[in-house]
Amino acid sequence: MIATIVNWTAVGKVVLYSMVVTVGVSVAFGLAVRGTTRFADVRRAGRAAAATAYAAVAVAAFGASLAAVGYGIYLMTQR
């Protein structure tokens, strides 16, 4: 009887996608924080090339985090 009330396939997909996105956004934001802190460290050490690379990683990762949040908000407003 419960199997007809709850669509377990849909619930499973929601749980799986939520876990994947949560880990992905967390990793992207972690890379943004790591890139920012490493950028500051290597810039103080006078290594311009490494600082530029870390700044690029930080900007790209923060952009990915921001895009994921924006896409989530877009999806929530579409129904």
N, C-alpha and C. Protein backbone atom coordinates (compact mmCIF):
# COMPACT_ATOMS: atom_id res chain seq x y z
N MET A 1 0.81 -1.18 0.00
CA MET A 1 0.00 0.00 0.00
C MET A 1 0.86 1.26 0.00
N ILE A 2 1.94 1.28 0.79
CA ILE A 2 2.81 2.46 0.85
C ILE A 2 3.50 2.68 -0.49
N ALA A 3 3.81 1.62 -1.20
CA ALA A 3 4.49 1.75 -2.48
C ALA A 3 3.66 2.53 -3.48
N THR A 4 2.35 2.49 -3.37
CA THR A 4 1.51 3.24 -4.30
C THR A 4 1.39 4.72 -3.90
N ILE A 5 1.63 5.03 -2.64
CA ILE A 5 1.53 6.41 -2.18
C ILE A 5 2.82 7.19 -2.45
N VAL A 6 3.96 6.55 -2.24
CA VAL A 6 5.26 7.20 -2.37
C VAL A 6 5.96 6.68 -3.62
N ASN A 7 6.41 7.58 -4.44
CA ASN A 7 7.21 7.21 -5.61
C ASN A 7 8.67 7.14 -5.17
N TRP A 8 9.11 5.94 -4.80
CA TRP A 8 10.44 5.77 -4.24
C TRP A 8 11.54 6.08 -5.25
N THR A 9 11.29 5.89 -6.52
CA THR A 9 12.28 6.22 -7.53
C THR A 9 12.54 7.72 -7.55
N ALA A 10 11.49 8.51 -7.49
CA ALA A 10 11.64 9.96 -7.48
C ALA A 10 12.32 10.44 -6.20
N VAL A 11 11.97 9.84 -5.08
CA VAL A 11 12.61 10.21 -3.81
C VAL A 11 14.09 9.87 -3.85
N GLY A 12 14.42 8.72 -4.39
CA GLY A 12 15.83 8.32 -4.52
C GLY A 12 16.61 9.27 -5.39
N LYS A 13 16.02 9.70 -6.51
CA LYS A 13 16.69 10.65 -7.39
C LYS A 13 16.93 11.99 -6.69
N VAL A 14 15.94 12.46 -5.96
CA VAL A 14 16.08 13.73 -5.23
C VAL A 14 17.21 13.63 -4.21
N VAL A 15 17.26 12.54 -3.48
CA VAL A 15 18.31 12.38 -2.48
C VAL A 15 19.68 12.30 -3.14
N LEU A 16 19.80 11.53 -4.20
CA LEU A 16 21.08 11.39 -4.90
C LEU A 16 21.54 12.71 -5.48
N TYR A 17 20.68 13.41 -6.19
CA TYR A 17 21.05 14.69 -6.80
C TYR A 17 21.39 15.72 -5.75
N SER A 18 20.67 15.72 -4.65
CA SER A 18 20.95 16.67 -3.57
C SER A 18 22.33 16.42 -2.97
N MET A 19 22.67 15.16 -2.77
CA MET A 19 23.98 14.84 -2.21
C MET A 19 25.10 15.24 -3.17
N VAL A 20 24.93 14.95 -4.45
CA VAL A 20 25.96 15.28 -5.44
C VAL A 20 26.15 16.79 -5.53
N VAL A 21 25.07 17.53 -5.59
CA VAL A 21 25.17 18.98 -5.70
C VAL A 21 25.75 19.59 -4.43
N THR A 22 25.36 19.08 -3.28
CA THR A 22 25.88 19.59 -2.02
C THR A 22 27.40 19.40 -1.95
N VAL A 23 27.87 18.23 -2.31
CA VAL A 23 29.30 17.98 -2.29
C VAL A 23 30.00 18.86 -3.34
N GLY A 24 29.42 18.97 -4.51
CA GLY A 24 30.04 19.77 -5.57
C GLY A 24 30.16 21.25 -5.21
N VAL A 25 29.09 21.82 -4.68
CA VAL A 25 29.13 23.24 -4.30
C VAL A 25 30.08 23.44 -3.12
N SER A 26 30.10 22.52 -2.19
CA SER A 26 31.03 22.63 -1.06
C SER A 26 32.48 22.56 -1.51
N VAL A 27 32.78 21.68 -2.42
CA VAL A 27 34.14 21.57 -2.94
C VAL A 27 34.51 22.84 -3.71
N ALA A 28 33.60 23.34 -4.52
CA ALA A 28 33.89 24.56 -5.28
C ALA A 28 34.13 25.74 -4.34
N PHE A 29 33.31 25.89 -3.32
CA PHE A 29 33.50 26.99 -2.39
C PHE A 29 34.79 26.81 -1.58
N GLY A 30 35.10 25.57 -1.23
CA GLY A 30 36.36 25.29 -0.53
C GLY A 30 37.56 25.65 -1.38
N LEU A 31 37.48 25.35 -2.68
CA LEU A 31 38.56 25.76 -3.59
C LEU A 31 38.68 27.27 -3.68
N ALA A 32 37.55 27.95 -3.63
CA ALA A 32 37.57 29.42 -3.67
C ALA A 32 38.27 29.97 -2.43
N VAL A 33 37.95 29.43 -1.28
CA VAL A 33 38.60 29.88 -0.04
C VAL A 33 40.09 29.53 -0.06
N ARG A 34 40.40 28.32 -0.47
CA ARG A 34 41.81 27.90 -0.54
C ARG A 34 42.59 28.74 -1.53
N GLY A 35 42.03 29.01 -2.69
CA GLY A 35 42.71 29.84 -3.67
C GLY A 35 42.94 31.25 -3.17
N THR A 36 41.97 31.79 -2.44
CA THR A 36 42.12 33.14 -1.90
C THR A 36 43.21 33.20 -0.85
N THR A 37 43.24 32.23 0.05
CA THR A 37 44.26 32.27 1.10
C THR A 37 45.65 32.01 0.53
N ARG A 38 45.76 31.08 -0.39
CA ARG A 38 47.06 30.82 -1.01
C ARG A 38 47.51 32.01 -1.85
N PHE A 39 46.57 32.68 -2.52
CA PHE A 39 46.90 33.88 -3.28
C PHE A 39 47.55 34.92 -2.37
N ALA A 40 46.94 35.14 -1.22
CA ALA A 40 47.49 36.14 -0.28
C ALA A 40 48.88 35.72 0.20
N ASP A 41 49.07 34.44 0.48
CA ASP A 41 50.37 33.97 0.97
C ASP A 41 51.46 34.11 -0.07
N VAL A 42 51.21 33.67 -1.29
CA VAL A 42 52.26 33.71 -2.31
C VAL A 42 52.48 35.13 -2.83
N ARG A 43 51.47 35.98 -2.76
CA ARG A 43 51.65 37.37 -3.16
C ARG A 43 52.60 38.07 -2.19
N ARG A 44 52.41 37.80 -0.89
CA ARG A 44 53.31 38.37 0.11
C ARG A 44 54.73 37.87 -0.05
N ALA A 45 54.87 36.65 -0.56
CA ALA A 45 56.20 36.08 -0.78
C ALA A 45 56.83 36.60 -2.07
N GLY A 46 56.08 37.34 -2.85
CA GLY A 46 56.62 37.93 -4.07
C GLY A 46 56.62 37.02 -5.28
N ARG A 47 55.83 35.99 -5.26
CA ARG A 47 55.75 35.07 -6.41
C ARG A 47 54.52 35.42 -7.24
N ALA A 48 54.71 36.27 -8.23
CA ALA A 48 53.59 36.82 -9.00
C ALA A 48 52.88 35.77 -9.85
N ALA A 49 53.63 34.87 -10.48
CA ALA A 49 53.00 33.87 -11.36
C ALA A 49 52.11 32.92 -10.54
N ALA A 50 52.61 32.47 -9.42
CA ALA A 50 51.81 31.58 -8.57
C ALA A 50 50.60 32.31 -8.01
N ALA A 51 50.79 33.58 -7.64
CA ALA A 51 49.67 34.37 -7.11
C ALA A 51 48.59 34.52 -8.16
N THR A 52 48.97 34.74 -9.40
CA THR A 52 48.00 34.87 -10.48
C THR A 52 47.23 33.56 -10.68
N ALA A 53 47.94 32.45 -10.61
CA ALA A 53 47.29 31.15 -10.78
C ALA A 53 46.28 30.89 -9.65
N TYR A 54 46.67 31.19 -8.43
CA TYR A 54 45.76 30.99 -7.30
C TYR A 54 44.56 31.95 -7.38
N ALA A 55 44.80 33.16 -7.85
CA ALA A 55 43.69 34.11 -8.01
C ALA A 55 42.71 33.59 -9.06
N ALA A 56 43.23 33.02 -10.14
CA ALA A 56 42.36 32.48 -11.19
C ALA A 56 41.53 31.31 -10.66
N VAL A 57 42.16 30.45 -9.86
CA VAL A 57 41.43 29.32 -9.26
C VAL A 57 40.33 29.84 -8.34
N ALA A 58 40.67 30.84 -7.53
CA ALA A 58 39.69 31.40 -6.60
C ALA A 58 38.51 32.02 -7.33
N VAL A 59 38.78 32.78 -8.37
CA VAL A 59 37.70 33.44 -9.13
C VAL A 59 36.83 32.40 -9.83
N ALA A 60 37.45 31.40 -10.45
CA ALA A 60 36.68 30.37 -11.15
C ALA A 60 35.83 29.55 -10.17
N ALA A 61 36.40 29.18 -9.05
CA ALA A 61 35.66 28.38 -8.08
C ALA A 61 34.52 29.18 -7.45
N PHE A 62 34.78 30.45 -7.14
CA PHE A 62 33.72 31.28 -6.58
C PHE A 62 32.63 31.50 -7.62
N GLY A 63 33.01 31.67 -8.87
CA GLY A 63 32.02 31.81 -9.94
C GLY A 63 31.16 30.56 -10.09
N ALA A 64 31.79 29.39 -9.96
CA ALA A 64 31.04 28.14 -10.04
C ALA A 64 30.07 28.01 -8.87
N SER A 65 30.51 28.40 -7.68
CA SER A 65 29.63 28.37 -6.51
C SER A 65 28.45 29.30 -6.70
N LEU A 66 28.74 30.50 -7.15
CA LEU A 66 27.69 31.49 -7.35
C LEU A 66 26.72 31.05 -8.45
N ALA A 67 27.24 30.45 -9.50
CA ALA A 67 26.38 29.96 -10.58
C ALA A 67 25.46 28.83 -10.09
N ALA A 68 25.98 27.95 -9.26
CA ALA A 68 25.17 26.85 -8.73
C ALA A 68 24.06 27.38 -7.84
N VAL A 69 24.37 28.36 -7.01
CA VAL A 69 23.35 28.94 -6.14
C VAL A 69 22.30 29.67 -6.98
N GLY A 70 22.76 30.42 -7.96
CA GLY A 70 21.82 31.13 -8.84
C GLY A 70 20.92 30.17 -9.61
N TYR A 71 21.49 29.08 -10.10
CA TYR A 71 20.69 28.09 -10.82
C TYR A 71 19.67 27.43 -9.89
N GLY A 72 20.07 27.18 -8.65
CA GLY A 72 19.14 26.62 -7.67
C GLY A 72 17.97 27.55 -7.40
N ILE A 73 18.26 28.84 -7.27
CA ILE A 73 17.19 29.82 -7.07
C ILE A 73 16.29 29.87 -8.29
N TYR A 74 16.89 29.83 -9.47
CA TYR A 74 16.09 29.83 -10.71
C TYR A 74 15.16 28.62 -10.75
N LEU A 75 15.68 27.44 -10.40
CA LEU A 75 14.84 26.25 -10.43
C LEU A 75 13.71 26.32 -9.42
N MET A 76 13.98 26.89 -8.25
CA MET A 76 12.93 27.00 -7.23
C MET A 76 11.81 27.95 -7.64
N THR A 77 12.12 28.95 -8.45
CA THR A 77 11.11 29.91 -8.85
C THR A 77 10.35 29.48 -10.08
N GLN A 78 10.69 28.38 -10.69
CA GLN A 78 10.04 27.94 -11.93
C GLN A 78 8.81 27.09 -11.71
N ARG A 79 8.40 26.87 -10.49
CA ARG A 79 7.22 26.06 -10.27
C ARG A 79 6.23 26.74 -9.46
